[in-house]
Amino acid sequence: GLNGKITPSGTVNVTKGANQTFTFTADAGYQIKDVLIDNVSAGKVTTYTFSNVTANHGISAVFAELPAEFPITASAGSGGSINPSGVVTAAAGSKASFTITPDPGFRIADVLVDGISAGPVPLYEFAGISSAHTITAEFTVAENIALNKPASSQSYYRNYQPSKANDDDATNSSYWAANWYP
């Protein structure tokens, strides 16, 4: 079809009983709109294989111009934010960056891009945008350790031994106890 190609193209001779695969590639700025197999839609497929060929077949592809813009839906669970948020419109081929920020006492648990984990990243960038996307930030309570003075060198809390630290008199003779807080 126009604005794309089928490989191989033209009349293709196939040995009776053999398989033949075709690949569909849209030109820059276009997408596969439909593939027709014997005038029946196969959908927006990028390859099609005729299996056990015993008769003549027809194959064609329809290509359509890509939209000029695509929506990216950004959301965050409780415990933080994503910026920008809501539905963001991005031009085809452009980039869009999102900053994920946990609230105090929280940390980033995961960032899901189109439902797939990208890990606990504080920044995510979509590049070469050619379709709609979703990005969701998830947060969890951070487990932090507060250092409380004084403690003896024999003190410990939840298997966290106190450690020496520089104190006001710069002698490094003070011990700090590790305590959990949410």
C-alpha atoms as a PDB file:
ATOM      1  CA  GLY A   1       0.000   0.000   0.000  1.00  0.00           C
ATOM      2  CA  LEU A   2       0.931   3.670  -0.077  1.00  0.00           C
ATOM      3  CA  ASN A   3       3.070   5.006   2.825  1.00  0.00           C
ATOM      4  CA  GLY A   4       4.522   1.623   3.723  1.00  0.00           C
ATOM      5  CA  LYS A   5       5.743  -1.648   2.310  1.00  0.00           C
ATOM      6  CA  ILE A   6       5.144  -5.384   2.344  1.00  0.00           C
ATOM      7  CA  THR A   7       8.196  -7.672   2.289  1.00  0.00           C
ATOM      8  CA  PRO A   8       8.457  -9.658   0.093  1.00  0.00           C
ATOM      9  CA  SER A   9       6.411  -7.683  -2.413  1.00  0.00           C
ATOM     10  CA  GLY A  10       4.803  -8.433  -5.745  1.00  0.00           C
ATOM     11  CA  THR A  11       3.857 -11.921  -6.866  1.00  0.00           C
ATOM     12  CA  VAL A  12       5.572 -14.480  -4.645  1.00  0.00           C
ATOM     13  CA  ASN A  13       5.784 -18.081  -5.792  1.00  0.00           C
ATOM     14  CA  VAL A  14       5.477 -20.595  -2.942  1.00  0.00           C
ATOM     15  CA  THR A  15       6.052 -24.322  -3.127  1.00  0.00           C
ATOM     16  CA  LYS A  16       2.830 -26.254  -2.476  1.00  0.00           C
ATOM     17  CA  GLY A  17       2.566 -27.112   1.231  1.00  0.00           C
ATOM     18  CA  ALA A  18       5.243 -24.601   2.275  1.00  0.00           C
ATOM     19  CA  ASN A  19       4.844 -21.579   4.568  1.00  0.00           C
ATOM     20  CA  GLN A  20       5.373 -17.954   3.541  1.00  0.00           C
ATOM     21  CA  THR A  21       5.763 -15.011   5.924  1.00  0.00           C
ATOM     22  CA  PHE A  22       5.158 -11.381   5.003  1.00  0.00           C
ATOM     23  CA  THR A  23       6.321  -8.339   6.981  1.00  0.00           C
ATOM     24  CA  PHE A  24       4.559  -4.956   6.988  1.00  0.00           C
ATOM     25  CA  THR A  25       6.497  -1.744   7.651  1.00  0.00           C
ATOM     26  CA  ALA A  26       5.003   1.738   7.768  1.00  0.00           C
ATOM     27  CA  ASP A  27       6.946   4.732   6.463  1.00  0.00           C
ATOM     28  CA  ALA A  28       8.045   7.447   8.938  1.00  0.00           C
ATOM     29  CA  GLY A  29       5.006   9.352  10.180  1.00  0.00           C
ATOM     30  CA  TYR A  30       2.638   6.489   9.332  1.00  0.00           C
ATOM     31  CA  GLN A  31       1.246   3.408  11.032  1.00  0.00           C
ATOM     32  CA  ILE A  32      -0.314   0.131   9.954  1.00  0.00           C
ATOM     33  CA  LYS A  33      -4.067   0.673   9.879  1.00  0.00           C
ATOM     34  CA  ASP A  34      -5.089  -2.787   8.641  1.00  0.00           C
ATOM     35  CA  VAL A  35      -3.793  -5.888   6.873  1.00  0.00           C
ATOM     36  CA  LEU A  36      -6.153  -7.708   4.528  1.00  0.00           C
ATOM     37  CA  ILE A  37      -5.736 -11.433   3.886  1.00  0.00           C
ATOM     38  CA  ASP A  38      -7.920 -12.578   0.995  1.00  0.00           C
ATOM     39  CA  ASN A  39      -9.906  -9.323   1.548  1.00  0.00           C
ATOM     40  CA  VAL A  40     -10.547 -10.163   5.236  1.00  0.00           C
ATOM     41  CA  SER A  41      -9.115  -7.952   7.962  1.00  0.00           C
ATOM     42  CA  ALA A  42      -6.276  -9.421  10.046  1.00  0.00           C
ATOM     43  CA  GLY A  43      -5.950  -6.202  12.077  1.00  0.00           C
ATOM     44  CA  LYS A  44      -2.860  -4.104  12.762  1.00  0.00           C
ATOM     45  CA  VAL A  45      -0.323  -6.922  12.495  1.00  0.00           C
ATOM     46  CA  THR A  46       3.350  -6.461  11.595  1.00  0.00           C
ATOM     47  CA  THR A  47       3.777  -9.984  10.162  1.00  0.00           C
ATOM     48  CA  TYR A  48       1.526 -12.639   8.683  1.00  0.00           C
ATOM     49  CA  THR A  49       2.363 -16.245   7.768  1.00  0.00           C
ATOM     50  CA  PHE A  50       0.464 -18.333   5.266  1.00  0.00           C
ATOM     51  CA  SER A  51       0.850 -21.911   6.515  1.00  0.00           C
ATOM     52  CA  ASN A  52       0.717 -25.020   4.327  1.00  0.00           C
ATOM     53  CA  VAL A  53      -0.009 -23.047   1.151  1.00  0.00           C
ATOM     54  CA  THR A  54      -2.165 -25.031  -1.293  1.00  0.00           C
ATOM     55  CA  ALA A  55      -3.984 -22.213  -3.144  1.00  0.00           C
ATOM     56  CA  ASN A  56      -3.475 -18.644  -4.359  1.00  0.00           C
ATOM     57  CA  HIS A  57      -3.948 -15.891  -1.777  1.00  0.00           C
ATOM     58  CA  GLY A  58      -4.128 -12.126  -1.725  1.00  0.00           C
ATOM     59  CA  ILE A  59      -2.454  -9.885   0.810  1.00  0.00           C
ATOM     60  CA  SER A  60      -2.495  -6.097   1.167  1.00  0.00           C
ATOM     61  CA  ALA A  61      -1.790  -3.472   3.827  1.00  0.00           C
ATOM     62  CA  VAL A  62      -3.396  -0.114   4.541  1.00  0.00           C
ATOM     63  CA  PHE A  63      -1.256   2.566   6.171  1.00  0.00           C
ATOM     64  CA  ALA A  64      -2.512   5.730   7.877  1.00  0.00           C
ATOM     65  CA  GLU A  65      -0.844   8.903   9.013  1.00  0.00           C
ATOM     66  CA  LEU A  66       0.120   8.949  12.667  1.00  0.00           C
ATOM     67  CA  PRO A  67      -1.802  11.374  14.838  1.00  0.00           C
ATOM     68  CA  ALA A  68       0.044  14.634  15.507  1.00  0.00           C
ATOM     69  CA  GLU A  69      -0.338  14.188  19.275  1.00  0.00           C
ATOM     70  CA  PHE A  70      -0.707  11.387  21.803  1.00  0.00           C
ATOM     71  CA  PRO A  71      -2.063  11.428  25.358  1.00  0.00           C
ATOM     72  CA  ILE A  72       0.067  10.321  28.301  1.00  0.00           C
ATOM     73  CA  THR A  73      -1.954   9.684  31.456  1.00  0.00           C
ATOM     74  CA  ALA A  74       0.114  10.253  34.615  1.00  0.00           C
ATOM     75  CA  SER A  75      -1.099   9.350  38.105  1.00  0.00           C
ATOM     76  CA  ALA A  76       0.304   8.788  41.582  1.00  0.00           C
ATOM     77  CA  GLY A  77      -0.883   6.702  44.501  1.00  0.00           C
ATOM     78  CA  SER A  78      -0.978   8.009  48.060  1.00  0.00           C
ATOM     79  CA  GLY A  79       2.350   8.985  49.549  1.00  0.00           C
ATOM     80  CA  GLY A  80       3.729  11.139  46.761  1.00  0.00           C
ATOM     81  CA  SER A  81       3.208  12.902  43.478  1.00  0.00           C
ATOM     82  CA  ILE A  82       4.085  12.836  39.801  1.00  0.00           C
ATOM     83  CA  ASN A  83       4.689  15.983  37.810  1.00  0.00           C
ATOM     84  CA  PRO A  84       3.135  16.705  35.411  1.00  0.00           C
ATOM     85  CA  SER A  85       0.020  14.750  36.359  1.00  0.00           C
ATOM     86  CA  GLY A  86      -3.272  14.005  34.662  1.00  0.00           C
ATOM     87  CA  VAL A  87      -3.520  13.750  30.882  1.00  0.00           C
ATOM     88  CA  VAL A  88      -0.534  15.302  29.138  1.00  0.00           C
ATOM     89  CA  THR A  89      -0.519  15.724  25.360  1.00  0.00           C
ATOM     90  CA  ALA A  90       2.760  15.031  23.565  1.00  0.00           C
ATOM     91  CA  ALA A  91       3.589  15.646  19.922  1.00  0.00           C
ATOM     92  CA  ALA A  92       4.433  12.635  17.773  1.00  0.00           C
ATOM     93  CA  GLY A  93       8.170  11.940  17.880  1.00  0.00           C
ATOM     94  CA  SER A  94       8.731  14.195  20.896  1.00  0.00           C
ATOM     95  CA  LYS A  95       9.934  13.512  24.460  1.00  0.00           C
ATOM     96  CA  ALA A  96       7.998  13.862  27.708  1.00  0.00           C
ATOM     97  CA  SER A  97       9.596  13.723  31.172  1.00  0.00           C
ATOM     98  CA  PHE A  98       7.902  12.956  34.483  1.00  0.00           C
ATOM     99  CA  THR A  99       9.296  13.605  37.957  1.00  0.00           C
ATOM    100  CA  ILE A 100       8.241  11.290  40.771  1.00  0.00           C
ATOM    101  CA  THR A 101       8.499  12.722  44.306  1.00  0.00           C
ATOM    102  CA  PRO A 102       7.663  10.868  47.535  1.00  0.00           C
ATOM    103  CA  ASP A 103       6.079  12.747  50.448  1.00  0.00           C
ATOM    104  CA  PRO A 104       8.098  12.962  53.699  1.00  0.00           C
ATOM    105  CA  GLY A 105       8.154   9.529  55.341  1.00  0.00           C
ATOM    106  CA  PHE A 106       7.558   7.722  52.019  1.00  0.00           C
ATOM    107  CA  ARG A 107       9.732   6.328  49.247  1.00  0.00           C
ATOM    108  CA  ILE A 108       9.057   5.378  45.630  1.00  0.00           C
ATOM    109  CA  ALA A 109       8.002   1.720  45.538  1.00  0.00           C
ATOM    110  CA  ASP A 110       7.623   1.405  41.751  1.00  0.00           C
ATOM    111  CA  VAL A 111       6.856   3.307  38.583  1.00  0.00           C
ATOM    112  CA  LEU A 112       4.627   1.481  36.098  1.00  0.00           C
ATOM    113  CA  VAL A 113       4.906   2.491  32.453  1.00  0.00           C
ATOM    114  CA  ASP A 114       2.108   1.083  30.333  1.00  0.00           C
ATOM    115  CA  GLY A 115       1.578  -1.437  33.166  1.00  0.00           C
ATOM    116  CA  ILE A 116       5.211  -2.621  33.189  1.00  0.00           C
ATOM    117  CA  SER A 117       7.605  -1.924  36.068  1.00  0.00           C
ATOM    118  CA  ALA A 118      10.355   0.610  35.430  1.00  0.00           C
ATOM    119  CA  GLY A 119      11.559   0.264  39.047  1.00  0.00           C
ATOM    120  CA  PRO A 120      11.610   2.943  41.767  1.00  0.00           C
ATOM    121  CA  VAL A 121      12.902   5.707  39.496  1.00  0.00           C
ATOM    122  CA  PRO A 122      12.578   9.420  40.415  1.00  0.00           C
ATOM    123  CA  LEU A 123      12.490  10.500  36.742  1.00  0.00           C
ATOM    124  CA  TYR A 124      11.074   8.828  33.641  1.00  0.00           C
ATOM    125  CA  GLU A 125      11.303  10.050  30.056  1.00  0.00           C
ATOM    126  CA  PHE A 126       9.282   8.868  27.071  1.00  0.00           C
ATOM    127  CA  ALA A 127      11.278   9.402  23.864  1.00  0.00           C
ATOM    128  CA  GLY A 128      10.162   9.212  20.231  1.00  0.00           C
ATOM    129  CA  ILE A 129       6.516   9.145  21.272  1.00  0.00           C
ATOM    130  CA  SER A 130       4.386   7.282  18.731  1.00  0.00           C
ATOM    131  CA  SER A 131       1.449   6.040  20.810  1.00  0.00           C
ATOM    132  CA  ALA A 132      -0.605   6.780  23.915  1.00  0.00           C
ATOM    133  CA  HIS A 133       0.990   5.839  27.259  1.00  0.00           C
ATOM    134  CA  THR A 134       0.279   5.584  30.963  1.00  0.00           C
ATOM    135  CA  ILE A 135       2.649   6.183  33.872  1.00  0.00           C
ATOM    136  CA  THR A 136       1.730   5.428  37.477  1.00  0.00           C
ATOM    137  CA  ALA A 137       3.850   6.120  40.551  1.00  0.00           C
ATOM    138  CA  GLU A 138       3.454   3.895  43.614  1.00  0.00           C
ATOM    139  CA  PHE A 139       4.791   4.746  47.060  1.00  0.00           C
ATOM    140  CA  THR A 140       5.404   2.926  50.331  1.00  0.00           C
ATOM    141  CA  VAL A 141       6.229   4.015  53.856  1.00  0.00           C
ATOM    142  CA  ALA A 142       9.959   4.589  54.237  1.00  0.00           C
ATOM    143  CA  GLU A 143      11.715   2.835  57.073  1.00  0.00           C
ATOM    144  CA  ASN A 144      14.122   5.339  58.492  1.00  0.00           C
ATOM    145  CA  ILE A 145      16.546   5.121  61.353  1.00  0.00           C
ATOM    146  CA  ALA A 146      16.741   7.925  63.888  1.00  0.00           C
ATOM    147  CA  LEU A 147      19.986   8.292  65.782  1.00  0.00           C
ATOM    148  CA  ASN A 148      19.292   9.053  69.413  1.00  0.00           C
ATOM    149  CA  LYS A 149      22.025  10.057  71.857  1.00  0.00           C
ATOM    150  CA  PRO A 150      23.215   8.936  74.358  1.00  0.00           C
ATOM    151  CA  ALA A 151      23.814   5.207  74.335  1.00  0.00           C
ATOM    152  CA  SER A 152      26.495   2.957  75.683  1.00  0.00           C
ATOM    153  CA  SER A 153      28.789   0.912  73.495  1.00  0.00           C
ATOM    154  CA  GLN A 154      26.852  -2.187  74.585  1.00  0.00           C
ATOM    155  CA  SER A 155      23.410  -0.846  73.559  1.00  0.00           C
ATOM    156  CA  TYR A 156      21.609  -2.100  70.504  1.00  0.00           C
ATOM    157  CA  TYR A 157      18.161  -1.951  68.970  1.00  0.00           C
ATOM    158  CA  ARG A 158      16.763  -4.516  66.522  1.00  0.00           C
ATOM    159  CA  ASN A 159      20.279  -5.827  65.914  1.00  0.00           C
ATOM    160  CA  TYR A 160      21.552  -2.363  64.992  1.00  0.00           C
ATOM    161  CA  GLN A 161      24.648  -1.707  67.021  1.00  0.00           C
ATOM    162  CA  PRO A 162      25.253   1.891  68.075  1.00  0.00           C
ATOM    163  CA  SER A 163      28.114   3.582  66.286  1.00  0.00           C
ATOM    164  CA  LYS A 164      30.601   6.237  67.262  1.00  0.00           C
ATOM    165  CA  ALA A 165      29.994   9.618  65.707  1.00  0.00           C
ATOM    166  CA  ASN A 166      31.521  13.038  65.849  1.00  0.00           C
ATOM    167  CA  ASP A 167      29.899  14.979  68.659  1.00  0.00           C
ATOM    168  CA  ASP A 168      30.030  18.571  69.863  1.00  0.00           C
ATOM    169  CA  ASP A 169      33.409  18.180  71.579  1.00  0.00           C
ATOM    170  CA  ALA A 170      34.931  16.499  68.467  1.00  0.00           C
ATOM    171  CA  THR A 171      36.220  13.563  70.495  1.00  0.00           C
ATOM    172  CA  ASN A 172      34.284  10.847  68.674  1.00  0.00           C
ATOM    173  CA  SER A 173      33.648   9.332  72.083  1.00  0.00           C
ATOM    174  CA  SER A 174      29.843   9.371  71.954  1.00  0.00           C
ATOM    175  CA  TYR A 175      27.703   6.449  70.869  1.00  0.00           C
ATOM    176  CA  TRP A 176      24.455   6.898  68.955  1.00  0.00           C
ATOM    177  CA  ALA A 177      21.600   4.408  69.261  1.00  0.00           C
ATOM    178  CA  ALA A 178      19.686   3.350  66.163  1.00  0.00           C
ATOM    179  CA  ASN A 179      15.895   3.432  66.582  1.00  0.00           C
ATOM    180  CA  TRP A 180      13.258   2.742  63.946  1.00  0.00           C
ATOM    181  CA  TYR A 181      10.588   5.299  63.212  1.00  0.00           C
ATOM    182  CA  PRO A 182       8.129   5.168  60.448  1.00  0.00           C
END
